[in-house]
Amino acid sequence: MAVFTEVSPQEAADLLSTLNLGTLQSMQGCASGIENTNYFVSTDRGDYVLTLFERLSFAQLPFYLKLMHHLAARGIPVPAPQADAQGEILHTLKGKPAAVVTRLKGRNQLSPQVADCAQVGAMLARMHLAGADYPLQQPNLRGLPWWTETVPVVLPFLSAEQAAMIIDELAFQQALAATPAYAGLPRGPVHADLFRDNVMFDGPTLSGFFDFYFAGVDTFGFDIAVCLNDWCIDLATGALDEARAAAFVAAYDAVRPLTHEEQALLPALLRGAALRFWTSRLWDFHLPRDAAMLQPHDPSHFERVLTLRRNQPWAWQRPDGVPQA
């Protein structure tokens, strides 16, 4: 989250009134994140998040907002988009697409333990199952085609050694995507950005997933890999914590059993997830946009993660050793 577009209290109050959400009592810009303008707003009726979308278009946004509505209706704890009198959940503010969603209770768990990772794994599996009948289709906009387009853009900012690794990894992922095994991976709507700061815990209990604005249709294994590369690592080094990783995958597998191909390709998917975020962080760091409170992430973190996933691959096997079909 960040503030690219300044919204006045009166402008926010007018939108909240249109949505019949009560009288604005407080409003605070959000400093974390780098994609959209976000404000925490409170009224006499509840707490909400007001978002202005800086990159996503009016045509793209129904996929995300309706996905959140779909998941909420199936018992997945996600922010609920608020509708106007005509039932519309996509609005306009300052000439930009906007949405108001409910604010989840609790706080982030930034130092997750084994039990926390298991809860996230189980809820991610529930989310994948709940989204299986979601009718809208939109690819992961930060998937392989975007990596292929963006890696050449960031190459001038890299050392010779860094450039060699990112080019080699992109070629590896392109070759992987062309294989029958990859083509056969289960897929559907995925969050694609479920880091520690996009999950809330109310005390020891997971209370919700949020920030679905990188969601798209991709392999479920990619979503698992994104989570493992954040929830189950030592942030200082990028090293995988095998106890947390095993707990995450086992909890996921207990809800939606992994196929044999998903288990076999997990090491490669972990590499792909690391490449995705190294590339995007290089792009945001070296080609930043102007924004109040913008805090670009350090690209070197995911460079370390990718190096370790390449040099020390990690695989998971069901304890009973029985593969799924």
Protein backbone atom coordinates (compact mmCIF):
# COMPACT_ATOMS: atom_id res chain seq x y z
CA MET A 1 0.00 0.00 0.00
CA ALA A 2 1.03 3.62 -0.56
CA VAL A 3 -0.46 7.02 -1.38
CA PHE A 4 -0.04 8.00 -5.04
CA THR A 5 -3.26 10.05 -5.20
CA GLU A 6 -4.22 12.36 -2.35
CA VAL A 7 -7.85 12.02 -1.28
CA SER A 8 -9.38 14.66 0.97
CA PRO A 9 -11.58 13.73 3.94
CA GLN A 10 -14.55 15.33 2.19
CA GLU A 11 -14.01 13.26 -0.97
CA ALA A 12 -13.79 10.09 1.11
CA ALA A 13 -16.87 11.08 3.14
CA ASP A 14 -18.89 11.65 -0.02
CA LEU A 15 -18.07 8.17 -1.35
CA LEU A 16 -18.81 6.53 2.00
CA SER A 17 -22.15 8.33 2.11
CA THR A 18 -22.99 7.11 -1.40
CA LEU A 19 -22.34 3.56 -0.18
CA ASN A 20 -24.48 4.13 2.92
CA LEU A 21 -21.55 3.29 5.20
CA GLY A 22 -22.10 6.05 7.73
CA THR A 23 -20.29 9.24 8.75
CA LEU A 24 -16.52 9.45 8.36
CA GLN A 25 -14.77 9.62 11.72
CA SER A 26 -11.11 9.07 10.84
CA MET A 27 -8.91 8.58 7.79
CA GLN A 28 -5.27 7.53 7.56
CA GLY A 29 -3.03 6.88 4.56
CA CYS A 30 -1.32 3.48 4.42
CA ALA A 31 2.45 3.43 4.07
CA SER A 32 3.13 -0.21 3.19
CA GLY A 33 3.05 -1.65 -0.32
CA ILE A 34 3.78 -0.12 -3.70
CA GLU A 35 0.84 -0.62 -6.09
CA ASN A 36 -2.28 1.32 -5.11
CA THR A 37 -3.41 4.29 -3.03
CA ASN A 38 -4.90 3.03 0.23
CA TYR A 39 -6.55 4.67 3.20
CA PHE A 40 -7.87 3.18 6.41
CA VAL A 41 -11.23 4.84 7.04
CA SER A 42 -13.53 4.50 10.02
CA THR A 43 -17.17 5.54 10.23
CA ASP A 44 -19.82 5.32 12.91
CA ARG A 45 -20.76 1.98 11.30
CA GLY A 46 -17.42 0.21 10.92
CA ASP A 47 -13.85 0.11 9.68
CA TYR A 48 -13.00 -0.05 5.98
CA VAL A 49 -10.17 0.24 3.47
CA LEU A 50 -10.55 2.75 0.63
CA THR A 51 -8.43 1.88 -2.42
CA LEU A 52 -7.73 3.86 -5.58
CA PHE A 53 -6.21 1.65 -8.28
CA GLU A 54 -3.15 3.18 -9.92
CA ARG A 55 -2.28 0.48 -12.47
CA LEU A 56 -5.29 -1.78 -12.85
CA SER A 57 -7.97 -0.67 -15.29
CA PHE A 58 -11.75 -0.54 -14.96
CA ALA A 59 -11.86 -3.55 -17.32
CA GLN A 60 -9.48 -5.64 -15.17
CA LEU A 61 -10.88 -4.87 -11.74
CA PRO A 62 -14.15 -6.85 -11.79
CA PHE A 63 -12.07 -10.06 -11.72
CA TYR A 64 -10.51 -9.14 -8.37
CA LEU A 65 -13.52 -7.60 -6.67
CA LYS A 66 -15.94 -10.30 -7.76
CA LEU A 67 -13.43 -12.98 -6.74
CA MET A 68 -13.35 -11.53 -3.21
CA HIS A 69 -17.16 -11.50 -3.16
CA HIS A 70 -17.23 -15.11 -4.43
CA LEU A 71 -14.76 -16.32 -1.80
CA ALA A 72 -16.52 -14.48 1.03
CA ALA A 73 -19.82 -16.11 0.05
CA ARG A 74 -18.12 -19.51 0.42
CA GLY A 75 -16.81 -18.87 3.90
CA ILE A 76 -13.27 -17.70 3.11
CA PRO A 77 -12.39 -14.76 5.39
CA VAL A 78 -11.58 -11.97 2.93
CA PRO A 79 -12.51 -8.27 2.77
CA ALA A 80 -16.01 -7.76 1.39
CA PRO A 81 -16.40 -5.12 -1.36
CA GLN A 82 -19.14 -2.61 -0.53
CA ALA A 83 -21.86 -1.93 -3.08
CA ASP A 84 -23.85 1.19 -3.90
CA ALA A 85 -27.62 1.31 -4.24
CA GLN A 86 -27.37 -0.20 -7.73
CA GLY A 87 -25.26 -3.12 -6.48
CA GLU A 88 -22.04 -1.85 -8.06
CA ILE A 89 -18.81 -2.64 -6.20
CA LEU A 90 -16.43 -0.77 -8.54
CA HIS A 91 -16.56 2.99 -8.05
CA THR A 92 -14.80 6.13 -9.32
CA LEU A 93 -12.86 8.64 -7.22
CA LYS A 94 -10.52 11.37 -8.49
CA GLY A 95 -11.10 9.96 -11.97
CA LYS A 96 -9.66 6.59 -10.99
CA PRO A 97 -11.18 3.17 -10.23
CA ALA A 98 -11.91 2.81 -6.53
CA ALA A 99 -13.31 0.29 -4.07
CA VAL A 100 -14.23 0.23 -0.40
CA VAL A 101 -13.88 -3.09 1.42
CA THR A 102 -14.37 -4.19 5.00
CA ARG A 103 -11.25 -4.11 7.17
CA LEU A 104 -10.27 -7.44 8.70
CA LYS A 105 -9.77 -7.74 12.44
CA GLY A 106 -6.40 -8.54 13.98
CA ARG A 107 -2.85 -7.87 12.91
CA ASN A 108 -0.08 -9.33 10.80
CA GLN A 109 2.06 -12.17 12.15
CA LEU A 110 5.47 -11.05 10.97
CA SER A 111 7.41 -13.70 12.90
CA PRO A 112 5.41 -16.83 12.02
CA GLN A 113 5.82 -20.10 13.84
CA VAL A 114 5.01 -23.63 12.69
CA ALA A 115 1.37 -23.40 13.82
CA ASP A 116 0.85 -20.11 12.00
CA CYS A 117 2.24 -21.54 8.76
CA ALA A 118 -0.02 -24.57 9.06
CA GLN A 119 -3.08 -22.30 9.39
CA VAL A 120 -2.11 -20.34 6.29
CA GLY A 121 -1.50 -23.54 4.33
CA ALA A 122 -4.89 -24.98 5.24
CA MET A 123 -6.74 -21.74 4.45
CA LEU A 124 -4.92 -21.40 1.13
CA ALA A 125 -6.15 -24.87 0.15
CA ARG A 126 -9.69 -23.93 1.20
CA MET A 127 -9.42 -20.78 -0.89
CA HIS A 128 -8.28 -22.74 -3.96
CA LEU A 129 -11.19 -25.15 -3.60
CA ALA A 130 -13.68 -22.31 -3.03
CA GLY A 131 -12.50 -20.56 -6.19
CA ALA A 132 -12.78 -23.64 -8.38
CA ASP A 133 -16.20 -22.62 -9.74
CA TYR A 134 -15.42 -18.91 -10.11
CA PRO A 135 -16.57 -18.10 -13.66
CA LEU A 136 -14.35 -15.15 -14.60
CA GLN A 137 -10.98 -15.72 -16.27
CA GLN A 138 -7.91 -13.51 -16.10
CA PRO A 139 -4.28 -14.66 -16.25
CA ASN A 140 -1.75 -13.90 -13.56
CA LEU A 141 -0.61 -10.51 -14.88
CA ARG A 142 2.78 -10.97 -13.20
CA GLY A 143 3.32 -14.44 -14.61
CA LEU A 144 5.82 -15.77 -17.15
CA PRO A 145 4.91 -13.39 -20.00
CA TRP A 146 5.54 -10.44 -17.68
CA TRP A 147 8.87 -11.90 -16.51
CA THR A 148 9.89 -12.34 -20.14
CA GLU A 149 8.98 -8.72 -20.91
CA THR A 150 10.49 -7.18 -17.77
CA VAL A 151 13.81 -9.01 -17.33
CA PRO A 152 15.37 -7.22 -20.34
CA VAL A 153 14.22 -3.89 -18.87
CA VAL A 154 16.07 -4.43 -15.58
CA LEU A 155 19.21 -6.01 -17.04
CA PRO A 156 21.09 -2.68 -17.38
CA PHE A 157 20.93 -2.27 -13.60
CA LEU A 158 22.53 -5.66 -12.86
CA SER A 159 26.11 -6.84 -12.54
CA ALA A 160 27.38 -9.41 -15.03
CA GLU A 161 26.90 -12.17 -12.45
CA GLN A 162 23.37 -11.09 -11.58
CA ALA A 163 22.45 -10.76 -15.25
CA ALA A 164 23.73 -14.26 -15.99
CA MET A 165 21.60 -15.74 -13.20
CA ILE A 166 18.38 -13.94 -14.07
CA ILE A 167 18.73 -14.80 -17.78
CA ASP A 168 19.47 -18.45 -16.96
CA GLU A 169 16.53 -18.70 -14.59
CA LEU A 170 14.14 -17.10 -17.05
CA ALA A 171 15.22 -19.64 -19.69
CA PHE A 172 14.70 -22.46 -17.18
CA GLN A 173 11.17 -21.26 -16.38
CA GLN A 174 10.30 -20.82 -20.05
CA ALA A 175 11.41 -24.40 -20.74
CA LEU A 176 9.48 -25.68 -17.73
CA ALA A 177 6.29 -23.97 -18.91
CA ALA A 178 6.54 -25.83 -22.23
CA THR A 179 6.52 -29.30 -20.63
CA PRO A 180 3.47 -31.59 -20.43
CA ALA A 181 3.98 -32.00 -16.68
CA TYR A 182 3.65 -28.26 -16.13
CA ALA A 183 0.66 -28.04 -18.48
CA GLY A 184 -1.08 -30.69 -16.38
CA LEU A 185 -0.75 -28.88 -13.06
CA PRO A 186 -4.06 -28.03 -11.34
CA ARG A 187 -4.90 -24.37 -11.71
CA GLY A 188 -7.51 -21.78 -10.90
CA PRO A 189 -7.77 -18.39 -9.21
CA VAL A 190 -4.70 -17.77 -7.01
CA HIS A 191 -3.78 -14.92 -4.68
CA ALA A 192 -0.21 -14.76 -6.07
CA ASP A 193 1.02 -12.32 -3.37
CA LEU A 194 0.14 -13.94 -0.04
CA PHE A 195 3.02 -12.61 2.03
CA ARG A 196 3.03 -12.20 5.81
CA ASP A 197 1.67 -8.68 5.52
CA ASN A 198 -1.38 -9.84 3.53
CA VAL A 199 -2.72 -12.17 6.24
CA MET A 200 -4.34 -11.21 9.52
CA PHE A 201 -4.39 -13.08 12.83
CA ASP A 202 -6.81 -12.27 15.63
CA GLY A 203 -4.77 -13.55 18.54
CA PRO A 204 -3.49 -17.00 17.61
CA THR A 205 -6.21 -17.58 14.98
CA LEU A 206 -6.01 -16.68 11.31
CA SER A 207 -8.69 -14.07 10.64
CA GLY A 208 -8.32 -13.43 6.94
CA PHE A 209 -6.49 -12.96 3.65
CA PHE A 210 -6.48 -9.60 1.90
CA ASP A 211 -4.95 -7.56 -0.96
CA PHE A 212 -6.12 -9.71 -3.87
CA TYR A 213 -5.04 -7.23 -6.53
CA PHE A 214 -2.34 -9.48 -7.98
CA ALA A 215 -4.73 -12.44 -8.21
CA GLY A 216 -5.21 -14.32 -11.45
CA VAL A 217 -5.58 -17.78 -12.88
CA ASP A 218 -2.35 -19.72 -12.47
CA THR A 219 -1.15 -23.02 -11.04
CA PHE A 220 -2.02 -23.66 -7.41
CA GLY A 221 1.58 -24.78 -7.00
CA PHE A 222 2.80 -21.28 -7.83
CA ASP A 223 0.61 -19.86 -5.04
CA ILE A 224 2.05 -22.42 -2.61
CA ALA A 225 5.59 -21.53 -3.70
CA VAL A 226 5.01 -17.79 -3.19
CA CYS A 227 3.88 -18.50 0.36
CA LEU A 228 6.75 -20.86 1.17
CA ASN A 229 9.27 -18.26 -0.02
CA ASP A 230 7.95 -15.76 2.52
CA TRP A 231 6.20 -17.54 5.38
CA CYS A 232 8.76 -20.32 5.75
CA ILE A 233 12.14 -18.62 5.42
CA ASP A 234 14.62 -16.78 7.55
CA LEU A 235 14.23 -13.21 6.32
CA ALA A 236 17.84 -12.30 7.01
CA THR A 237 19.31 -15.02 4.80
CA GLY A 238 16.46 -16.39 2.66
CA ALA A 239 17.13 -19.90 3.98
CA LEU A 240 14.10 -22.18 4.09
CA ASP A 241 12.91 -23.27 7.52
CA GLU A 242 12.08 -26.90 6.79
CA ALA A 243 9.85 -27.37 9.85
CA ARG A 244 7.64 -24.44 8.87
CA ALA A 245 7.67 -25.43 5.19
CA ALA A 246 6.70 -29.02 5.93
CA ALA A 247 3.89 -27.88 8.25
CA PHE A 248 2.57 -25.49 5.60
CA VAL A 249 2.50 -28.06 2.80
CA ALA A 250 1.16 -30.87 5.00
CA ALA A 251 -1.71 -28.66 6.19
CA TYR A 252 -2.49 -27.66 2.61
CA ASP A 253 -2.30 -31.28 1.45
CA ALA A 254 -4.73 -32.36 4.17
CA VAL A 255 -7.40 -30.08 2.64
CA ARG A 256 -6.56 -30.36 -1.07
CA PRO A 257 -4.19 -33.29 -1.71
CA LEU A 258 -1.30 -32.40 -3.97
CA THR A 259 -0.91 -34.33 -7.19
CA HIS A 260 2.26 -36.25 -7.98
CA GLU A 261 3.20 -33.55 -10.52
CA GLU A 262 2.74 -30.77 -7.97
CA GLN A 263 5.04 -32.54 -5.53
CA ALA A 264 7.63 -33.24 -8.23
CA LEU A 265 7.67 -29.68 -9.62
CA LEU A 266 7.61 -27.85 -6.29
CA PRO A 267 11.40 -27.15 -6.33
CA ALA A 268 11.08 -25.55 -9.78
CA LEU A 269 7.99 -23.58 -8.76
CA LEU A 270 9.88 -22.22 -5.74
CA ARG A 271 12.51 -20.94 -8.15
CA GLY A 272 9.83 -19.36 -10.35
CA ALA A 273 8.19 -17.62 -7.40
CA ALA A 274 11.56 -16.21 -6.34
CA LEU A 275 12.27 -15.02 -9.89
CA ARG A 276 8.90 -13.27 -10.04
CA PHE A 277 9.57 -11.17 -6.95
CA TRP A 278 13.22 -10.49 -7.69
CA THR A 279 12.15 -9.16 -11.09
CA SER A 280 9.31 -7.02 -9.76
CA ARG A 281 11.42 -5.60 -6.96
CA LEU A 282 14.20 -4.70 -9.40
CA TRP A 283 11.63 -2.96 -11.55
CA ASP A 284 10.06 -1.04 -8.65
CA PHE A 285 13.45 -0.13 -7.16
CA HIS A 286 15.18 1.09 -10.30
CA LEU A 287 12.15 2.49 -12.14
CA PRO A 288 10.04 3.90 -9.26
CA ARG A 289 6.88 5.95 -9.49
CA ASP A 290 6.28 9.09 -7.45
CA ALA A 291 4.16 8.46 -4.37
CA ALA A 292 3.74 9.85 -0.91
CA MET A 293 4.98 7.33 1.65
CA LEU A 294 6.33 4.96 -1.03
CA GLN A 295 8.83 2.46 0.35
CA PRO A 296 10.28 0.23 -2.41
CA HIS A 297 11.44 -3.21 -1.29
CA ASP A 298 15.09 -4.22 -1.45
CA PRO A 299 15.58 -6.44 -4.56
CA SER A 300 18.60 -8.20 -3.05
CA HIS A 301 16.33 -10.15 -0.69
CA PHE A 302 14.78 -12.20 -3.49
CA GLU A 303 18.11 -12.46 -5.26
CA ARG A 304 19.30 -14.37 -2.16
CA VAL A 305 16.11 -16.44 -2.09
CA LEU A 306 16.46 -17.41 -5.75
CA THR A 307 20.14 -18.30 -5.30
CA LEU A 308 19.27 -20.63 -2.44
CA ARG A 309 16.32 -22.24 -4.23
CA ARG A 310 18.61 -22.95 -7.18
CA ASN A 311 21.52 -24.25 -5.12
CA GLN A 312 19.59 -25.98 -2.34
CA PRO A 313 16.31 -27.26 -3.84
CA TRP A 314 13.63 -28.29 -1.37
CA ALA A 315 11.02 -30.95 -2.03
CA TRP A 316 8.10 -32.26 0.01
CA GLN A 317 6.79 -35.81 0.01
CA ARG A 318 3.66 -37.03 1.73
CA PRO A 319 4.71 -38.99 4.83
CA ASP A 320 2.81 -42.07 3.71
CA GLY A 321 4.68 -41.92 0.42
CA VAL A 322 1.46 -42.45 -1.56
CA PRO A 323 1.27 -40.05 -4.53
CA GLN A 324 -2.03 -38.59 -5.68
CA ALA A 325 -3.28 -39.04 -9.21
